[in-house]
N, C-alpha and C. Protein backbone atom coordinates (compact mmCIF):
# COMPACT_ATOMS: atom_id res chain seq x y z
N MET A 1 -2.98 6.23 13.39
CA MET A 1 -2.72 5.29 13.17
C MET A 1 -3.04 4.63 11.44
N ALA A 2 -4.31 5.31 10.89
CA ALA A 2 -4.42 4.90 9.67
C ALA A 2 -3.60 5.57 8.55
N ILE A 3 -3.30 7.03 9.10
CA ILE A 3 -2.36 7.69 8.37
C ILE A 3 -0.99 7.15 7.93
N LEU A 4 -0.42 6.46 9.04
CA LEU A 4 0.83 5.79 9.04
C LEU A 4 0.78 4.71 7.92
N TYR A 5 -0.36 3.58 7.85
CA TYR A 5 -0.36 2.74 6.97
C TYR A 5 -0.68 3.33 5.35
N PHE A 6 -1.75 4.58 5.56
CA PHE A 6 -2.02 4.95 4.11
C PHE A 6 -0.50 5.44 3.49
N LEU A 7 0.30 6.08 4.17
CA LEU A 7 1.30 6.61 3.90
C LEU A 7 2.49 5.39 3.39
N MET A 8 2.50 4.43 4.38
CA MET A 8 3.26 3.14 3.83
C MET A 8 2.66 2.94 2.79
N GLY A 9 1.67 2.61 2.42
CA GLY A 9 0.79 2.42 1.10
C GLY A 9 1.27 2.95 -0.24
N LEU A 10 1.13 4.20 0.18
CA LEU A 10 1.81 5.31 -0.97
C LEU A 10 3.22 5.12 -1.01
N LEU A 11 4.04 4.71 -0.30
CA LEU A 11 5.58 4.74 -0.44
C LEU A 11 5.79 3.14 -1.04
N PHE A 12 5.06 2.09 -0.80
CA PHE A 12 5.35 0.93 -1.40
C PHE A 12 4.64 1.20 -2.96
N ALA A 13 4.00 1.81 -3.39
CA ALA A 13 3.28 2.07 -4.34
C ALA A 13 4.13 2.68 -5.23
N TYR A 14 4.94 3.96 -4.62
CA TYR A 14 6.04 4.52 -5.47
C TYR A 14 6.90 3.74 -5.84
N LEU A 15 7.40 2.95 -4.85
CA LEU A 15 8.52 2.17 -5.10
C LEU A 15 8.21 0.89 -6.30
N ALA A 16 6.99 0.54 -6.33
CA ALA A 16 6.83 -0.54 -7.38
C ALA A 16 6.64 0.02 -8.72
N TYR A 17 6.26 1.53 -8.63
CA TYR A 17 6.14 2.06 -9.61
C TYR A 17 7.72 2.74 -10.62
N THR A 18 8.50 2.76 -9.40
CA THR A 18 9.79 3.26 -9.99
C THR A 18 10.58 1.55 -10.27
N SER A 19 9.99 0.76 -9.77
CA SER A 19 10.92 -0.70 -10.25
C SER A 19 10.65 -1.19 -11.34
N VAL A 20 9.49 -0.67 -12.24
CA VAL A 20 9.20 -1.25 -13.39
C VAL A 20 10.39 -0.86 -14.25
N GLN A 21 10.76 -2.19 -15.39
CA GLN A 21 11.88 -1.90 -16.40
C GLN A 21 11.09 -2.12 -17.52
N ASP A 22 11.37 -3.26 -18.10
CA ASP A 22 10.64 -3.40 -19.51
C ASP A 22 9.22 -3.77 -18.99
N THR A 23 8.86 -4.61 -17.96
CA THR A 23 7.40 -4.61 -17.87
C THR A 23 6.99 -5.24 -16.34
N ILE A 24 5.73 -4.92 -16.28
CA ILE A 24 5.40 -4.99 -14.83
C ILE A 24 5.37 -6.11 -14.04
N TRP A 25 5.60 -7.36 -14.89
CA TRP A 25 5.61 -8.83 -14.49
C TRP A 25 6.72 -9.15 -13.91
N ASN A 26 7.48 -8.42 -13.37
CA ASN A 26 8.46 -9.11 -12.57
C ASN A 26 8.18 -9.39 -11.13
N ALA A 27 9.00 -9.89 -10.31
CA ALA A 27 8.76 -10.14 -9.00
C ALA A 27 8.86 -9.19 -7.94
N THR A 28 9.47 -8.21 -8.40
CA THR A 28 9.84 -7.19 -7.46
C THR A 28 8.57 -5.92 -7.75
N THR A 29 8.24 -5.74 -8.75
CA THR A 29 7.08 -5.12 -8.93
C THR A 29 5.87 -5.62 -8.11
N ILE A 30 5.54 -6.79 -8.33
CA ILE A 30 4.42 -7.62 -8.14
C ILE A 30 4.18 -7.77 -6.53
N LEU A 31 5.77 -7.94 -6.11
CA LEU A 31 5.80 -7.97 -4.40
C LEU A 31 5.49 -6.55 -4.01
N LEU A 32 6.13 -5.45 -4.65
CA LEU A 32 5.81 -4.22 -3.73
C LEU A 32 4.65 -3.52 -4.02
N ALA A 33 3.57 -4.02 -4.90
CA ALA A 33 2.30 -3.67 -5.17
C ALA A 33 1.33 -4.23 -4.53
N ALA A 34 1.77 -5.41 -4.04
CA ALA A 34 0.92 -6.40 -3.04
C ALA A 34 1.28 -5.91 -1.51
N VAL A 35 2.30 -5.58 -1.16
CA VAL A 35 2.85 -4.88 0.16
C VAL A 35 1.86 -3.41 0.24
N ALA A 36 1.79 -2.65 -0.78
CA ALA A 36 1.03 -1.53 -0.98
C ALA A 36 -0.46 -1.42 -0.91
N ALA A 37 -0.98 -2.73 -1.45
CA ALA A 37 -2.13 -2.93 -1.31
C ALA A 37 -2.86 -3.49 0.22
N LEU A 38 -1.82 -4.32 0.63
CA LEU A 38 -1.72 -4.37 2.00
C LEU A 38 -1.89 -3.34 2.94
N GLY A 39 -1.06 -2.23 2.48
CA GLY A 39 -0.83 -1.12 3.37
C GLY A 39 -2.48 -0.50 3.45
N PHE A 40 -2.88 -0.34 2.12
CA PHE A 40 -4.11 0.61 1.82
C PHE A 40 -5.05 -0.04 2.58
N GLY A 41 -5.09 -1.68 2.52
CA GLY A 41 -6.19 -2.28 3.07
C GLY A 41 -6.31 -2.26 4.73
N VAL A 42 -5.29 -2.04 5.36
CA VAL A 42 -4.96 -1.91 6.68
C VAL A 42 -5.29 -0.81 7.11
N GLY A 43 -4.94 0.44 6.56
CA GLY A 43 -5.19 1.83 6.80
C GLY A 43 -6.92 1.95 6.63
N TYR A 44 -7.40 0.90 5.37
CA TYR A 44 -8.79 1.76 5.56
C TYR A 44 -9.46 0.92 6.61
N ARG A 45 -9.11 -0.24 6.99
CA ARG A 45 -9.78 -1.03 7.93
C ARG A 45 -9.47 -0.31 9.45
N TYR A 46 -8.37 0.32 9.83
CA TYR A 46 -8.22 1.14 10.79
C TYR A 46 -9.12 2.30 10.78
N LEU A 47 -9.27 3.19 9.55
CA LEU A 47 -10.16 4.35 9.54
C LEU A 47 -11.57 3.75 10.05
N ARG A 48 -11.94 2.80 9.08
CA ARG A 48 -13.45 2.51 9.59
C ARG A 48 -13.36 1.91 10.85
N MET A 49 -12.55 1.47 11.53
CA MET A 49 -12.83 1.13 13.12
C MET A 49 -13.14 2.33 13.72
N HIS A 50 -12.20 3.50 13.47
CA HIS A 50 -12.02 4.68 14.18
C HIS A 50 -13.34 5.40 14.07
N LEU A 51 -13.90 5.28 13.00
CA LEU A 51 -14.98 6.29 12.62
C LEU A 51 -16.04 5.62 13.28
N LYS A 52 -16.31 4.29 13.16
CA LYS A 52 -17.45 3.35 14.01
C LYS A 52 -17.35 3.54 15.56
N LYS A 53 -16.32 3.71 15.93
CA LYS A 53 -16.04 3.95 17.38
C LYS A 53 -16.70 5.35 17.90
N GLU A 54 -16.85 6.06 16.97
CA GLU A 54 -17.13 7.54 17.38
C GLU A 54 -18.31 7.51 17.31
């Protein structure tokens, strides 16, 4: 499950990178980067929970 969230984080980070036009301070780029950060955060929490369980 953690790998899925890390992959989603990578996907949204890539989409944020490709959505940059003149500056990174537009709503689309910031929203995509925020979703990517949440994906990485959830993936990290799942990975930490899995390692703590074992």
